[in-house]
Amino acid sequence: MTPYAIENRLKLRNPMFLETASYGHMGRKPRNVSKTFTSLDAKKVEYDVDLFTWEKLDMIELLKNIIK
């Protein structure tokens, strides 16, 4: 539960800001999108980006067991 681990778990360094900037960022369904970026030297790079990773519920049971 360190800040570094939270940042990595939620993939907060991924380029997802346009999608999360509109219509609020809570209560949205997690999804994966493909994004294409153009670098300064005109090379195109494509990434698969997870959006709304903080909405995933896959850690609930593990956290319940840790808290007990």
C-alpha atoms as a PDB file:
ATOM      1  CA  MET A   1       0.000   0.000   0.000  1.00  0.00           C
ATOM      2  CA  THR A   2       2.887   2.379  -0.681  1.00  0.00           C
ATOM      3  CA  PRO A   3       2.294   5.313  -3.019  1.00  0.00           C
ATOM      4  CA  TYR A   4       4.577   3.661  -5.593  1.00  0.00           C
ATOM      5  CA  ALA A   5       2.633   0.376  -5.433  1.00  0.00           C
ATOM      6  CA  ILE A   6      -0.709   2.180  -5.719  1.00  0.00           C
ATOM      7  CA  GLU A   7       0.532   4.149  -8.726  1.00  0.00           C
ATOM      8  CA  ASN A   8       1.707   0.942 -10.424  1.00  0.00           C
ATOM      9  CA  ARG A   9      -1.430  -1.042  -9.547  1.00  0.00           C
ATOM     10  CA  LEU A  10      -3.755   1.644 -10.931  1.00  0.00           C
ATOM     11  CA  LYS A  11      -1.467   2.392 -13.907  1.00  0.00           C
ATOM     12  CA  LEU A  12      -1.616   6.105 -13.190  1.00  0.00           C
ATOM     13  CA  ARG A  13       1.338   6.895 -15.476  1.00  0.00           C
ATOM     14  CA  ASN A  14      -0.574   5.727 -18.569  1.00  0.00           C
ATOM     15  CA  PRO A  15      -1.836   8.402 -20.988  1.00  0.00           C
ATOM     16  CA  MET A  16      -5.542   8.324 -20.108  1.00  0.00           C
ATOM     17  CA  PHE A  17      -6.309  11.925 -19.279  1.00  0.00           C
ATOM     18  CA  LEU A  18      -8.620  12.866 -22.144  1.00  0.00           C
ATOM     19  CA  GLU A  19     -11.096  10.091 -21.322  1.00  0.00           C
ATOM     20  CA  THR A  20     -11.022  10.731 -17.584  1.00  0.00           C
ATOM     21  CA  ALA A  21     -11.365  14.523 -17.900  1.00  0.00           C
ATOM     22  CA  SER A  22     -14.970  14.531 -19.081  1.00  0.00           C
ATOM     23  CA  TYR A  23     -18.160  13.286 -17.368  1.00  0.00           C
ATOM     24  CA  GLY A  24     -16.361  12.638 -14.071  1.00  0.00           C
ATOM     25  CA  HIS A  25     -13.865   9.967 -13.251  1.00  0.00           C
ATOM     26  CA  MET A  26     -15.823   7.956 -10.675  1.00  0.00           C
ATOM     27  CA  GLY A  27     -18.479   5.342 -11.368  1.00  0.00           C
ATOM     28  CA  ARG A  28     -17.169   4.511 -14.848  1.00  0.00           C
ATOM     29  CA  LYS A  29     -16.602   1.017 -16.240  1.00  0.00           C
ATOM     30  CA  PRO A  30     -12.960  -0.079 -16.588  1.00  0.00           C
ATOM     31  CA  ARG A  31     -12.022  -0.679 -20.219  1.00  0.00           C
ATOM     32  CA  ASN A  32      -9.047  -1.013 -22.515  1.00  0.00           C
ATOM     33  CA  VAL A  33      -8.464   1.269 -25.513  1.00  0.00           C
ATOM     34  CA  SER A  34      -5.798   1.550 -28.156  1.00  0.00           C
ATOM     35  CA  LYS A  35      -4.140   4.962 -28.521  1.00  0.00           C
ATOM     36  CA  THR A  36      -1.789   6.244 -31.199  1.00  0.00           C
ATOM     37  CA  PHE A  37       0.704   8.982 -30.421  1.00  0.00           C
ATOM     38  CA  THR A  38       3.079  10.880 -32.680  1.00  0.00           C
ATOM     39  CA  SER A  39       6.483  11.673 -31.217  1.00  0.00           C
ATOM     40  CA  LEU A  40       8.417  14.851 -31.881  1.00  0.00           C
ATOM     41  CA  ASP A  41      10.369  13.088 -34.643  1.00  0.00           C
ATOM     42  CA  ALA A  42       7.068  12.121 -36.388  1.00  0.00           C
ATOM     43  CA  LYS A  43       7.163   8.442 -35.399  1.00  0.00           C
ATOM     44  CA  LYS A  44       3.793   6.921 -34.531  1.00  0.00           C
ATOM     45  CA  VAL A  45       3.557   4.722 -31.469  1.00  0.00           C
ATOM     46  CA  GLU A  46       0.498   2.705 -30.462  1.00  0.00           C
ATOM     47  CA  TYR A  47      -0.315   1.749 -26.861  1.00  0.00           C
ATOM     48  CA  ASP A  48      -3.035  -0.328 -25.242  1.00  0.00           C
ATOM     49  CA  VAL A  49      -4.229   1.716 -22.277  1.00  0.00           C
ATOM     50  CA  ASP A  50      -6.420   0.613 -19.366  1.00  0.00           C
ATOM     51  CA  LEU A  51      -8.949   3.257 -18.390  1.00  0.00           C
ATOM     52  CA  PHE A  52     -10.590   3.709 -14.984  1.00  0.00           C
ATOM     53  CA  THR A  53      -8.400   1.111 -13.288  1.00  0.00           C
ATOM     54  CA  TRP A  54      -9.479   2.457  -9.884  1.00  0.00           C
ATOM     55  CA  GLU A  55     -12.995   1.101 -10.563  1.00  0.00           C
ATOM     56  CA  LYS A  56     -11.890  -2.558 -10.758  1.00  0.00           C
ATOM     57  CA  LEU A  57     -13.197  -4.809  -7.981  1.00  0.00           C
ATOM     58  CA  ASP A  58     -10.664  -7.625  -8.293  1.00  0.00           C
ATOM     59  CA  MET A  59      -8.898  -6.935  -4.968  1.00  0.00           C
ATOM     60  CA  ILE A  60     -11.922  -6.920  -2.641  1.00  0.00           C
ATOM     61  CA  GLU A  61     -11.537 -10.422  -1.223  1.00  0.00           C
ATOM     62  CA  LEU A  62      -7.792 -10.064  -0.749  1.00  0.00           C
ATOM     63  CA  LEU A  63      -8.221  -6.798   1.151  1.00  0.00           C
ATOM     64  CA  LYS A  64     -11.001  -8.278   3.311  1.00  0.00           C
ATOM     65  CA  ASN A  65      -8.713 -11.148   4.262  1.00  0.00           C
ATOM     66  CA  ILE A  66      -5.857  -8.794   5.107  1.00  0.00           C
ATOM     67  CA  ILE A  67      -8.058  -6.632   7.326  1.00  0.00           C
ATOM     68  CA  LYS A  68      -9.452  -9.585   9.345  1.00  0.00           C
END
